[in-house]
């Protein structure tokens, strides 16, 4: 099983896998079950965010343009450097591969 994790606010991996970029999203308003923003900033479990794709055995954690503001919101959070690891821990054992789409600037 493979899983694509989209950490890019441009959301190109999300849209290329047939999912909406959800431009109407805003903090506190979850579209289609949430995005990576909701996991990082609001603590939503990834199990509630994972979406199936048209590709066999490929799941997606979608992104959206609201992720662009996450870096600023993370500044004041304690242990922010562990948020990805903690979000991954409960579901990682279900996947053989994890593909990560990062922003071009690699700020994360």
N, C-alpha and C. Protein backbone atom coordinates (compact mmCIF):
# COMPACT_ATOMS: atom_id res chain seq x y z
N UNK A 1 0.85 -1.17 0.00
CA UNK A 1 0.00 0.00 0.00
C UNK A 1 0.90 1.24 0.00
N UNK A 2 0.52 2.21 -0.77
CA UNK A 2 1.29 3.45 -0.88
C UNK A 2 0.42 4.63 -0.46
N UNK A 3 1.07 5.64 0.05
CA UNK A 3 0.34 6.79 0.56
C UNK A 3 1.07 8.05 0.12
N UNK A 4 0.34 8.99 -0.43
CA UNK A 4 0.92 10.26 -0.85
C UNK A 4 0.51 11.34 0.15
N UNK A 5 1.52 12.01 0.69
CA UNK A 5 1.32 13.03 1.70
C UNK A 5 1.69 14.35 1.05
N UNK A 6 0.73 15.25 0.94
CA UNK A 6 0.95 16.51 0.23
C UNK A 6 1.17 17.65 1.22
N UNK A 7 2.40 18.13 1.31
CA UNK A 7 2.74 19.24 2.20
C UNK A 7 2.93 20.55 1.44
N UNK A 8 2.46 20.59 0.22
CA UNK A 8 2.62 21.76 -0.63
C UNK A 8 1.29 22.50 -0.74
N UNK A 9 1.21 23.77 -0.31
CA UNK A 9 -0.04 24.52 -0.39
C UNK A 9 -0.57 24.69 -1.82
N UNK A 10 0.31 24.53 -2.81
CA UNK A 10 -0.17 24.60 -4.20
C UNK A 10 -1.06 23.42 -4.53
N UNK A 11 -0.93 22.34 -3.79
CA UNK A 11 -1.80 21.17 -3.87
C UNK A 11 -1.80 20.47 -5.22
N UNK A 12 -0.70 20.54 -5.95
CA UNK A 12 -0.66 19.90 -7.26
C UNK A 12 -0.75 18.38 -7.18
N UNK A 13 -0.12 17.76 -6.20
CA UNK A 13 -0.25 16.31 -6.04
C UNK A 13 -1.69 15.94 -5.70
N UNK A 14 -2.34 16.77 -4.90
CA UNK A 14 -3.73 16.52 -4.54
C UNK A 14 -4.62 16.55 -5.78
N UNK A 15 -4.49 17.59 -6.58
CA UNK A 15 -5.35 17.69 -7.77
C UNK A 15 -4.98 16.67 -8.84
N UNK A 16 -3.69 16.32 -8.94
CA UNK A 16 -3.29 15.34 -9.96
C UNK A 16 -3.82 13.94 -9.64
N UNK A 17 -4.17 13.71 -8.39
CA UNK A 17 -4.77 12.44 -8.00
C UNK A 17 -6.29 12.50 -7.98
N UNK A 18 -6.84 13.54 -8.61
CA UNK A 18 -8.29 13.62 -8.78
C UNK A 18 -9.07 14.19 -7.62
N UNK A 19 -8.39 14.84 -6.69
CA UNK A 19 -9.07 15.41 -5.53
C UNK A 19 -9.11 16.93 -5.66
N UNK A 20 -10.09 17.53 -5.01
CA UNK A 20 -10.24 18.98 -5.03
C UNK A 20 -9.15 19.64 -4.20
N UNK A 21 -8.68 20.79 -4.66
CA UNK A 21 -7.74 21.59 -3.86
C UNK A 21 -8.46 22.32 -2.74
N UNK A 22 -9.78 22.28 -2.75
CA UNK A 22 -10.61 22.87 -1.71
C UNK A 22 -10.26 24.34 -1.44
N UNK A 23 -10.33 25.21 -2.44
CA UNK A 23 -9.95 26.60 -2.23
C UNK A 23 -10.86 27.35 -1.27
N UNK A 24 -12.05 26.86 -1.03
CA UNK A 24 -12.98 27.56 -0.15
C UNK A 24 -12.74 27.24 1.32
N UNK A 25 -11.77 26.38 1.62
CA UNK A 25 -11.50 26.03 3.01
C UNK A 25 -10.96 27.20 3.79
N UNK A 26 -11.21 27.16 5.05
CA UNK A 26 -10.60 28.12 5.97
C UNK A 26 -10.41 27.40 7.29
N UNK A 27 -9.56 27.90 8.16
CA UNK A 27 -9.38 27.25 9.45
C UNK A 27 -10.72 27.05 10.15
N UNK A 28 -10.91 25.86 10.70
CA UNK A 28 -12.16 25.55 11.38
C UNK A 28 -13.25 25.05 10.45
N UNK A 29 -13.06 25.17 9.15
CA UNK A 29 -14.05 24.70 8.18
C UNK A 29 -13.41 23.57 7.38
N UNK A 30 -13.82 22.35 7.64
CA UNK A 30 -13.20 21.18 7.04
C UNK A 30 -13.97 20.75 5.80
N UNK A 31 -13.27 20.70 4.69
CA UNK A 31 -13.87 20.28 3.43
C UNK A 31 -13.55 18.81 3.18
N UNK A 32 -14.57 18.01 2.95
CA UNK A 32 -14.40 16.60 2.61
C UNK A 32 -13.53 15.86 3.63
N UNK A 33 -13.67 16.14 4.89
CA UNK A 33 -12.94 15.40 5.91
C UNK A 33 -11.64 16.01 6.37
N UNK A 34 -11.24 17.13 5.82
CA UNK A 34 -10.04 17.80 6.29
C UNK A 34 -8.85 17.61 5.36
N UNK A 35 -7.78 18.31 5.69
CA UNK A 35 -6.54 18.25 4.92
C UNK A 35 -5.38 18.15 5.91
N UNK A 36 -4.17 18.15 5.38
CA UNK A 36 -2.99 18.10 6.23
C UNK A 36 -2.94 19.30 7.18
N UNK A 37 -3.49 20.41 6.76
CA UNK A 37 -3.57 21.59 7.64
C UNK A 37 -4.32 21.23 8.92
N UNK A 38 -5.44 20.55 8.79
CA UNK A 38 -6.26 20.21 9.95
C UNK A 38 -5.54 19.23 10.89
N UNK A 39 -4.69 18.38 10.32
CA UNK A 39 -3.91 17.47 11.16
C UNK A 39 -2.84 18.23 11.93
N UNK A 40 -2.12 19.11 11.23
CA UNK A 40 -1.02 19.82 11.87
C UNK A 40 -1.47 20.90 12.85
N UNK A 41 -2.45 21.67 12.47
CA UNK A 41 -2.85 22.84 13.27
C UNK A 41 -3.97 22.52 14.25
N UNK A 42 -4.92 21.70 13.83
CA UNK A 42 -6.08 21.43 14.69
C UNK A 42 -6.04 20.05 15.35
N UNK A 43 -5.03 19.25 15.01
CA UNK A 43 -4.88 17.95 15.65
C UNK A 43 -5.83 16.87 15.15
N UNK A 44 -6.43 17.05 13.99
CA UNK A 44 -7.33 16.04 13.44
C UNK A 44 -6.53 14.77 13.12
N UNK A 45 -6.99 13.60 13.52
CA UNK A 45 -6.27 12.36 13.21
C UNK A 45 -6.20 12.12 11.70
N UNK A 46 -5.05 11.67 11.23
CA UNK A 46 -4.89 11.41 9.80
C UNK A 46 -5.86 10.35 9.30
N UNK A 47 -6.24 9.41 10.17
CA UNK A 47 -7.20 8.37 9.77
C UNK A 47 -8.52 8.97 9.28
N UNK A 48 -8.86 10.16 9.75
CA UNK A 48 -10.10 10.83 9.32
C UNK A 48 -9.89 11.63 8.04
N UNK A 49 -8.64 11.83 7.65
CA UNK A 49 -8.33 12.68 6.51
C UNK A 49 -7.98 11.87 5.26
N UNK A 50 -7.47 10.68 5.45
CA UNK A 50 -7.02 9.85 4.32
C UNK A 50 -8.14 9.65 3.32
N UNK A 51 -7.80 9.84 2.05
CA UNK A 51 -8.76 9.65 0.96
C UNK A 51 -8.25 8.57 0.02
N UNK A 52 -9.16 7.83 -0.55
CA UNK A 52 -8.78 6.87 -1.58
C UNK A 52 -8.64 7.62 -2.89
N UNK A 53 -7.92 7.04 -3.82
CA UNK A 53 -7.75 7.64 -5.14
C UNK A 53 -8.20 6.62 -6.19
N UNK A 54 -8.21 7.03 -7.44
CA UNK A 54 -8.57 6.13 -8.53
C UNK A 54 -7.47 5.10 -8.79
N UNK A 55 -6.31 5.34 -8.26
CA UNK A 55 -5.19 4.41 -8.43
C UNK A 55 -5.25 3.34 -7.34
N UNK A 56 -5.13 2.11 -7.77
CA UNK A 56 -5.19 0.98 -6.85
C UNK A 56 -4.10 1.07 -5.79
N UNK A 57 -4.48 0.86 -4.55
CA UNK A 57 -3.56 0.81 -3.41
C UNK A 57 -2.80 2.11 -3.16
N UNK A 58 -3.38 3.24 -3.57
CA UNK A 58 -2.76 4.54 -3.32
C UNK A 58 -3.76 5.42 -2.57
N UNK A 59 -3.39 5.85 -1.40
CA UNK A 59 -4.20 6.76 -0.60
C UNK A 59 -3.55 8.12 -0.59
N UNK A 60 -4.31 9.13 -0.17
CA UNK A 60 -3.85 10.51 -0.22
C UNK A 60 -4.21 11.25 1.06
N UNK A 61 -3.26 12.01 1.56
CA UNK A 61 -3.53 13.03 2.58
C UNK A 61 -3.48 14.33 1.80
N UNK A 62 -4.62 14.96 1.56
CA UNK A 62 -4.64 16.14 0.69
C UNK A 62 -4.12 17.41 1.36
N UNK A 63 -3.80 18.36 0.51
CA UNK A 63 -3.40 19.67 0.95
C UNK A 63 -4.40 20.67 0.40
N UNK A 64 -4.23 21.92 0.76
CA UNK A 64 -5.05 22.99 0.20
C UNK A 64 -4.30 24.30 0.40
N UNK A 65 -4.74 25.35 -0.25
CA UNK A 65 -4.05 26.64 -0.12
C UNK A 65 -3.95 27.18 1.31
N UNK A 66 -4.84 26.76 2.21
CA UNK A 66 -4.75 27.28 3.58
C UNK A 66 -3.50 26.80 4.30
N UNK A 67 -2.84 25.77 3.76
CA UNK A 67 -1.60 25.29 4.37
C UNK A 67 -0.51 26.35 4.34
N UNK A 68 -0.61 27.30 3.43
CA UNK A 68 0.39 28.36 3.33
C UNK A 68 0.52 29.14 4.64
N UNK A 69 -0.54 29.26 5.39
CA UNK A 69 -0.51 29.99 6.66
C UNK A 69 -0.06 29.16 7.84
N UNK A 70 0.12 27.87 7.64
CA UNK A 70 0.46 26.99 8.76
C UNK A 70 1.82 27.33 9.37
N UNK A 71 2.77 27.72 8.55
CA UNK A 71 4.10 28.01 9.08
C UNK A 71 4.03 29.12 10.13
N UNK A 72 3.25 30.14 9.87
CA UNK A 72 3.10 31.24 10.83
C UNK A 72 2.37 30.75 12.08
N UNK A 73 1.36 29.92 11.91
CA UNK A 73 0.60 29.42 13.05
C UNK A 73 1.42 28.47 13.91
N UNK A 74 2.36 27.75 13.30
CA UNK A 74 3.19 26.80 14.03
C UNK A 74 4.25 27.45 14.90
N UNK A 75 4.61 28.69 14.60
CA UNK A 75 5.70 29.37 15.31
C UNK A 75 5.52 29.33 16.82
N UNK A 76 4.35 29.58 17.31
CA UNK A 76 4.11 29.63 18.75
C UNK A 76 3.76 28.30 19.40
N UNK A 77 3.69 27.23 18.62
CA UNK A 77 3.30 25.93 19.17
C UNK A 77 4.49 25.22 19.82
N UNK A 78 4.25 24.66 20.99
CA UNK A 78 5.27 23.86 21.65
C UNK A 78 5.45 22.54 20.90
N UNK A 79 6.65 22.07 20.80
CA UNK A 79 6.99 20.79 20.16
C UNK A 79 6.50 20.70 18.72
N UNK A 80 6.49 21.82 18.02
CA UNK A 80 6.00 21.83 16.63
C UNK A 80 6.81 20.92 15.72
N UNK A 81 8.08 20.71 16.08
CA UNK A 81 8.94 19.86 15.26
C UNK A 81 8.56 18.38 15.34
N UNK A 82 7.69 18.02 16.25
CA UNK A 82 7.27 16.62 16.39
C UNK A 82 5.87 16.36 15.84
N UNK A 83 5.19 17.38 15.34
CA UNK A 83 3.81 17.21 14.89
C UNK A 83 3.66 16.19 13.76
N UNK A 84 4.54 16.22 12.78
CA UNK A 84 4.45 15.25 11.69
C UNK A 84 4.64 13.83 12.19
N UNK A 85 5.66 13.63 13.01
CA UNK A 85 5.93 12.29 13.55
C UNK A 85 4.74 11.77 14.36
N UNK A 86 4.17 12.61 15.20
CA UNK A 86 3.03 12.20 16.02
C UNK A 86 1.80 11.91 15.17
N UNK A 87 1.61 12.68 14.11
CA UNK A 87 0.46 12.46 13.22
C UNK A 87 0.61 11.14 12.46
N UNK A 88 1.83 10.82 12.05
CA UNK A 88 2.11 9.60 11.29
C UNK A 88 2.02 8.33 12.12
N UNK A 89 2.44 8.39 13.35
CA UNK A 89 2.61 7.19 14.18
C UNK A 89 1.43 6.20 14.16
N UNK A 90 0.19 6.63 14.32
CA UNK A 90 -0.90 5.67 14.39
C UNK A 90 -1.22 4.93 13.08
N UNK A 91 -0.80 5.46 11.95
CA UNK A 91 -1.19 4.84 10.68
C UNK A 91 -0.03 4.35 9.82
N UNK A 92 1.18 4.70 10.16
CA UNK A 92 2.34 4.39 9.33
C UNK A 92 2.50 2.89 9.06
N UNK A 93 2.19 2.06 10.02
CA UNK A 93 2.37 0.61 9.87
C UNK A 93 1.47 0.01 8.78
N UNK A 94 0.48 0.75 8.31
CA UNK A 94 -0.44 0.25 7.28
C UNK A 94 0.08 0.49 5.86
N UNK A 95 1.22 1.15 5.73
CA UNK A 95 1.73 1.54 4.41
C UNK A 95 3.14 1.03 4.18
N UNK A 96 3.39 0.57 2.95
CA UNK A 96 4.72 0.12 2.56
C UNK A 96 5.60 1.29 2.13
N UNK A 97 4.98 2.29 1.52
CA UNK A 97 5.70 3.46 1.01
C UNK A 97 4.93 4.72 1.34
N UNK A 98 5.65 5.79 1.59
CA UNK A 98 5.04 7.10 1.80
C UNK A 98 5.74 8.08 0.86
N UNK A 99 4.98 8.72 -0.01
CA UNK A 99 5.50 9.72 -0.93
C UNK A 99 5.14 11.09 -0.37
N UNK A 100 6.12 11.97 -0.24
CA UNK A 100 5.88 13.29 0.33
C UNK A 100 6.10 14.35 -0.73
N UNK A 101 5.07 15.13 -1.01
CA UNK A 101 5.16 16.25 -1.95
C UNK A 101 5.41 17.50 -1.11
N UNK A 102 6.62 18.04 -1.21
CA UNK A 102 6.98 19.20 -0.40
C UNK A 102 6.92 20.48 -1.24
N UNK A 103 6.79 21.62 -0.59
CA UNK A 103 6.80 22.88 -1.31
C UNK A 103 8.15 23.12 -1.97
N UNK A 104 8.18 23.86 -3.05
CA UNK A 104 9.45 24.13 -3.73
C UNK A 104 10.50 24.78 -2.84
N UNK A 105 10.07 25.55 -1.83
CA UNK A 105 11.04 26.24 -0.98
C UNK A 105 11.61 25.36 0.12
N UNK A 106 10.99 24.19 0.37
CA UNK A 106 11.43 23.26 1.40
C UNK A 106 11.50 23.88 2.79
N UNK A 107 10.57 24.78 3.09
CA UNK A 107 10.54 25.41 4.41
C UNK A 107 10.21 24.44 5.52
N UNK A 108 9.65 23.31 5.20
CA UNK A 108 9.21 22.39 6.24
C UNK A 108 10.33 21.46 6.58
